[in-house]
C-alpha atoms as a PDB file:
ATOM      1  CA  ILE A   1     -49.438 132.516 111.640  1.00  0.00           C
ATOM      2  CA  HIS A   2     -51.368 134.080 114.505  1.00  0.00           C
ATOM      3  CA  ASP A   3     -51.518 137.604 115.880  1.00  0.00           C
ATOM      4  CA  VAL A   4     -50.385 137.988 119.473  1.00  0.00           C
ATOM      5  CA  GLU A   5     -52.779 139.560 121.954  1.00  0.00           C
ATOM      6  CA  ARG A   6     -50.255 139.903 124.792  1.00  0.00           C
ATOM      7  CA  ILE A   7     -46.977 138.619 126.190  1.00  0.00           C
ATOM      8  CA  LYS A   8     -46.429 138.209 129.933  1.00  0.00           C
ATOM      9  CA  VAL A   9     -42.867 137.600 131.158  1.00  0.00           C
ATOM     10  CA  HIS A  10     -42.262 136.198 134.643  1.00  0.00           C
ATOM     11  CA  PRO A  11     -41.577 139.198 136.926  1.00  0.00           C
ATOM     12  CA  GLN A  12     -38.390 137.618 138.329  1.00  0.00           C
ATOM     13  CA  PHE A  13     -36.912 136.775 134.916  1.00  0.00           C
ATOM     14  CA  TYR A  14     -33.217 137.593 134.581  1.00  0.00           C
ATOM     15  CA  TYR A  15     -31.020 137.009 131.538  1.00  0.00           C
ATOM     16  CA  ALA A  16     -27.367 137.970 131.216  1.00  0.00           C
ATOM     17  CA  GLY A  17     -26.602 136.306 127.869  1.00  0.00           C
ATOM     18  CA  SER A  18     -26.415 133.070 125.925  1.00  0.00           C
ATOM     19  CA  TRP A  19     -25.646 129.867 127.905  1.00  0.00           C
ATOM     20  CA  ASP A  20     -26.420 131.689 131.094  1.00  0.00           C
ATOM     21  CA  PRO A  21     -26.842 129.499 134.186  1.00  0.00           C
ATOM     22  CA  THR A  22     -28.272 132.554 135.970  1.00  0.00           C
ATOM     23  CA  ALA A  23     -31.210 132.780 133.516  1.00  0.00           C
ATOM     24  CA  HIS A  24     -33.688 131.967 136.251  1.00  0.00           C
ATOM     25  CA  TYR A  25     -37.477 132.245 135.977  1.00  0.00           C
ATOM     26  CA  ASP A  26     -37.131 131.815 132.200  1.00  0.00           C
ATOM     27  CA  VAL A  27     -40.895 131.607 131.549  1.00  0.00           C
ATOM     28  CA  ALA A  28     -43.325 133.731 129.548  1.00  0.00           C
ATOM     29  CA  ILE A  29     -46.916 133.418 128.354  1.00  0.00           C
ATOM     30  CA  ILE A  30     -47.885 134.347 124.800  1.00  0.00           C
ATOM     31  CA  LYS A  31     -51.641 134.755 124.375  1.00  0.00           C
ATOM     32  CA  LEU A  32     -52.869 134.527 120.785  1.00  0.00           C
ATOM     33  CA  LYS A  33     -55.770 136.623 119.457  1.00  0.00           C
ATOM     34  CA  THR A  34     -57.289 133.521 117.840  1.00  0.00           C
ATOM     35  CA  ALA A  35     -57.128 129.848 118.732  1.00  0.00           C
ATOM     36  CA  SER A  36     -54.393 127.699 117.236  1.00  0.00           C
ATOM     37  CA  ASN A  37     -55.130 124.594 115.179  1.00  0.00           C
ATOM     38  CA  PHE A  38     -52.375 122.683 116.949  1.00  0.00           C
ATOM     39  CA  PRO A  39     -53.416 120.110 119.558  1.00  0.00           C
ATOM     40  CA  THR A  40     -52.922 121.022 123.191  1.00  0.00           C
ATOM     41  CA  VAL A  41     -50.884 119.048 125.707  1.00  0.00           C
ATOM     42  CA  ALA A  42     -51.351 118.784 129.448  1.00  0.00           C
ATOM     43  CA  LEU A  43     -49.020 120.695 131.757  1.00  0.00           C
ATOM     44  CA  ASN A  44     -47.092 118.739 134.362  1.00  0.00           C
ATOM     45  CA  THR A  45     -48.570 119.261 137.804  1.00  0.00           C
ATOM     46  CA  ASN A  46     -47.352 116.040 139.386  1.00  0.00           C
ATOM     47  CA  GLN A  47     -43.934 115.298 140.861  1.00  0.00           C
ATOM     48  CA  ALA A  48     -44.313 111.550 140.358  1.00  0.00           C
ATOM     49  CA  LEU A  49     -45.227 111.121 136.690  1.00  0.00           C
ATOM     50  CA  GLU A  50     -45.146 107.591 135.354  1.00  0.00           C
ATOM     51  CA  LEU A  51     -43.095 108.460 132.273  1.00  0.00           C
ATOM     52  CA  SER A  52     -42.970 106.003 129.422  1.00  0.00           C
ATOM     53  CA  GLY A  53     -40.351 106.306 126.716  1.00  0.00           C
ATOM     54  CA  THR A  54     -37.777 109.061 126.400  1.00  0.00           C
ATOM     55  CA  PRO A  55     -38.741 112.741 126.751  1.00  0.00           C
ATOM     56  CA  THR A  56     -38.675 114.752 123.515  1.00  0.00           C
ATOM     57  CA  VAL A  57     -37.684 118.374 122.891  1.00  0.00           C
ATOM     58  CA  VAL A  58     -39.320 120.150 119.951  1.00  0.00           C
ATOM     59  CA  GLY A  59     -38.087 123.356 118.322  1.00  0.00           C
ATOM     60  CA  TRP A  60     -37.263 125.448 115.277  1.00  0.00           C
ATOM     61  CA  GLY A  61     -33.629 125.848 116.299  1.00  0.00           C
ATOM     62  CA  GLU A  62     -30.379 125.019 114.603  1.00  0.00           C
ATOM     63  CA  ASP A  63     -29.215 121.512 113.868  1.00  0.00           C
ATOM     64  CA  GLU A  64     -25.691 120.246 113.204  1.00  0.00           C
ATOM     65  CA  THR A  65     -25.653 122.092 109.845  1.00  0.00           C
ATOM     66  CA  GLY A  66     -27.011 125.392 111.158  1.00  0.00           C
ATOM     67  CA  SER A  67     -30.527 126.792 110.796  1.00  0.00           C
ATOM     68  CA  SER A  68     -32.797 124.167 109.280  1.00  0.00           C
ATOM     69  CA  GLY A  69     -36.042 126.144 108.863  1.00  0.00           C
ATOM     70  CA  PHE A  70     -37.993 123.060 109.913  1.00  0.00           C
ATOM     71  CA  LEU A  71     -39.735 122.072 113.128  1.00  0.00           C
ATOM     72  CA  GLU A  72     -37.526 119.329 114.543  1.00  0.00           C
ATOM     73  CA  TYR A  73     -37.418 117.057 117.566  1.00  0.00           C
ATOM     74  CA  VAL A  74     -34.914 114.945 119.447  1.00  0.00           C
ATOM     75  CA  LYS A  75     -35.354 112.444 122.268  1.00  0.00           C
ATOM     76  CA  LEU A  76     -33.369 113.234 125.411  1.00  0.00           C
ATOM     77  CA  GLY A  77     -32.675 111.349 128.601  1.00  0.00           C
ATOM     78  CA  ILE A  78     -33.477 113.215 131.806  1.00  0.00           C
ATOM     79  CA  VAL A  79     -30.492 114.037 134.033  1.00  0.00           C
ATOM     80  CA  GLN A  80     -31.345 113.143 137.614  1.00  0.00           C
ATOM     81  CA  ASP A  81     -32.330 116.140 139.744  1.00  0.00           C
ATOM     82  CA  ASP A  82     -29.443 115.704 142.148  1.00  0.00           C
ATOM     83  CA  ARG A  83     -26.858 115.851 139.318  1.00  0.00           C
ATOM     84  CA  CYS A  84     -28.339 118.808 137.426  1.00  0.00           C
ATOM     85  CA  PRO A  85     -27.567 121.574 139.957  1.00  0.00           C
ATOM     86  CA  THR A  86     -23.984 120.470 140.535  1.00  0.00           C
ATOM     87  CA  MET A  87     -23.260 120.244 136.816  1.00  0.00           C
ATOM     88  CA  LEU A  88     -24.657 123.645 135.937  1.00  0.00           C
ATOM     89  CA  GLN A  89     -25.059 125.537 139.192  1.00  0.00           C
ATOM     90  CA  SER A  90     -28.767 125.500 138.345  1.00  0.00           C
ATOM     91  CA  GLU A  91     -31.676 125.751 140.718  1.00  0.00           C
ATOM     92  CA  LYS A  92     -32.867 122.214 141.443  1.00  0.00           C
ATOM     93  CA  THR A  93     -36.564 122.926 141.852  1.00  0.00           C
ATOM     94  CA  ARG A  94     -36.969 125.423 139.005  1.00  0.00           C
ATOM     95  CA  GLU A  95     -35.136 123.547 136.271  1.00  0.00           C
ATOM     96  CA  VAL A  96     -34.970 120.181 134.528  1.00  0.00           C
ATOM     97  CA  CYS A  97     -31.810 118.986 132.779  1.00  0.00           C
ATOM     98  CA  ALA A  98     -31.993 116.664 129.777  1.00  0.00           C
ATOM     99  CA  GLY A  99     -29.579 115.350 127.178  1.00  0.00           C
ATOM    100  CA  ASN A 100     -26.005 114.241 127.424  1.00  0.00           C
ATOM    101  CA  GLY A 101     -24.246 117.071 125.609  1.00  0.00           C
ATOM    102  CA  TRP A 102     -24.143 115.197 122.293  1.00  0.00           C
ATOM    103  CA  VAL A 103     -27.847 115.774 121.615  1.00  0.00           C
ATOM    104  CA  GLY A 104     -30.117 118.452 123.006  1.00  0.00           C
ATOM    105  CA  ALA A 105     -31.715 121.821 122.508  1.00  0.00           C
ATOM    106  CA  CYS A 106     -29.914 124.387 120.354  1.00  0.00           C
ATOM    107  CA  ASP A 107     -30.004 128.072 119.410  1.00  0.00           C
ATOM    108  CA  GLY A 108     -33.549 128.963 118.348  1.00  0.00           C
ATOM    109  CA  ASP A 109     -35.253 126.248 120.425  1.00  0.00           C
ATOM    110  CA  SER A 110     -35.802 128.504 123.455  1.00  0.00           C
ATOM    111  CA  GLY A 111     -39.388 128.567 124.665  1.00  0.00           C
ATOM    112  CA  GLY A 112     -40.212 125.234 123.031  1.00  0.00           C
ATOM    113  CA  PRO A 113     -41.559 122.235 124.934  1.00  0.00           C
ATOM    114  CA  LEU A 114     -39.879 119.276 126.582  1.00  0.00           C
ATOM    115  CA  LEU A 115     -42.575 116.600 126.321  1.00  0.00           C
ATOM    116  CA  ALA A 116     -42.988 113.198 127.938  1.00  0.00           C
ATOM    117  CA  ARG A 117     -45.606 110.464 127.735  1.00  0.00           C
ATOM    118  CA  ASN A 118     -47.602 109.789 130.898  1.00  0.00           C
ATOM    119  CA  ASN A 119     -50.172 106.996 130.705  1.00  0.00           C
ATOM    120  CA  GLY A 120     -50.249 107.365 126.912  1.00  0.00           C
ATOM    121  CA  GLN A 121     -50.807 111.149 126.973  1.00  0.00           C
ATOM    122  CA  TRP A 122     -48.257 113.854 126.083  1.00  0.00           C
ATOM    123  CA  VAL A 123     -47.387 116.075 129.041  1.00  0.00           C
ATOM    124  CA  GLN A 124     -45.175 119.174 128.925  1.00  0.00           C
ATOM    125  CA  ILE A 125     -42.549 118.841 131.635  1.00  0.00           C
ATOM    126  CA  GLY A 126     -40.178 121.627 130.592  1.00  0.00           C
ATOM    127  CA  ILE A 127     -39.727 124.859 128.626  1.00  0.00           C
ATOM    128  CA  THR A 128     -36.439 125.140 126.724  1.00  0.00           C
ATOM    129  CA  SER A 129     -34.265 127.694 128.513  1.00  0.00           C
ATOM    130  CA  TYR A 130     -30.608 127.307 127.531  1.00  0.00           C
ATOM    131  CA  ALA A 131     -28.074 124.876 126.154  1.00  0.00           C
ATOM    132  CA  PRO A 132     -24.296 124.713 125.957  1.00  0.00           C
ATOM    133  CA  ILE A 133     -22.571 127.173 123.643  1.00  0.00           C
ATOM    134  CA  GLY A 134     -22.244 125.422 120.330  1.00  0.00           C
ATOM    135  CA  CYS A 135     -25.221 123.258 121.294  1.00  0.00           C
ATOM    136  CA  GLN A 136     -23.802 119.733 121.298  1.00  0.00           C
ATOM    137  CA  THR A 137     -20.558 120.047 123.230  1.00  0.00           C
ATOM    138  CA  GLY A 138     -20.348 116.471 124.449  1.00  0.00           C
ATOM    139  CA  ARG A 139     -20.315 117.716 128.017  1.00  0.00           C
ATOM    140  CA  ASP A 140     -23.322 119.584 129.389  1.00  0.00           C
ATOM    141  CA  PRO A 141     -27.046 118.848 129.108  1.00  0.00           C
ATOM    142  CA  SER A 142     -29.746 121.261 127.974  1.00  0.00           C
ATOM    143  CA  VAL A 143     -31.675 123.113 130.691  1.00  0.00           C
ATOM    144  CA  PHE A 144     -35.444 123.575 130.803  1.00  0.00           C
ATOM    145  CA  ALA A 145     -37.673 125.641 133.101  1.00  0.00           C
ATOM    146  CA  SER A 146     -39.739 123.152 135.113  1.00  0.00           C
ATOM    147  CA  VAL A 147     -43.428 123.291 134.175  1.00  0.00           C
ATOM    148  CA  LYS A 148     -44.219 121.618 137.507  1.00  0.00           C
ATOM    149  CA  TYR A 149     -42.501 124.448 139.413  1.00  0.00           C
ATOM    150  CA  PHE A 150     -44.100 127.237 137.335  1.00  0.00           C
ATOM    151  CA  TYR A 151     -47.545 125.621 136.966  1.00  0.00           C
ATOM    152  CA  TRP A 152     -49.283 128.049 139.331  1.00  0.00           C
ATOM    153  CA  TRP A 153     -47.770 131.111 137.616  1.00  0.00           C
ATOM    154  CA  ILE A 154     -48.573 129.767 134.135  1.00  0.00           C
ATOM    155  CA  THR A 155     -52.205 128.958 134.909  1.00  0.00           C
ATOM    156  CA  ASN A 156     -52.795 132.234 136.775  1.00  0.00           C
ATOM    157  CA  ASN A 157     -51.353 134.363 133.958  1.00  0.00           C
ATOM    158  CA  ALA A 158     -52.652 132.559 130.878  1.00  0.00           C
END
């Protein structure tokens, strides 16, 4: 457990409630007072990553039985950029969609990473934003703030 030095929320952040497709600019920086022992991962700055394998979302959220109390992960397929906005009325450049509705992020995973392998190195490509009500609905993917889009803001406010 670490003490927090400061929290910086994106100035254009808007949230109207759970499973909110208008939750744009869903990004914040949490600066710790002391360094973490966890390894760091690179932030996605490149539009043309050579991804290998299936991206993975990590979080402390609920699973199919409810709150698990454990850090969990699930591998998710990326939904092509041109399909994501039409499915969820999301903003194409600011968000990444992943999952098929049967697996994905869930309540409590918000703020966690969507990671992918690029040339053997983990890269964070998304920040968990929202998922369908009830998590795995069999219909809609999970939505992540695009690290690539917010890279400048993240690095200038860290």
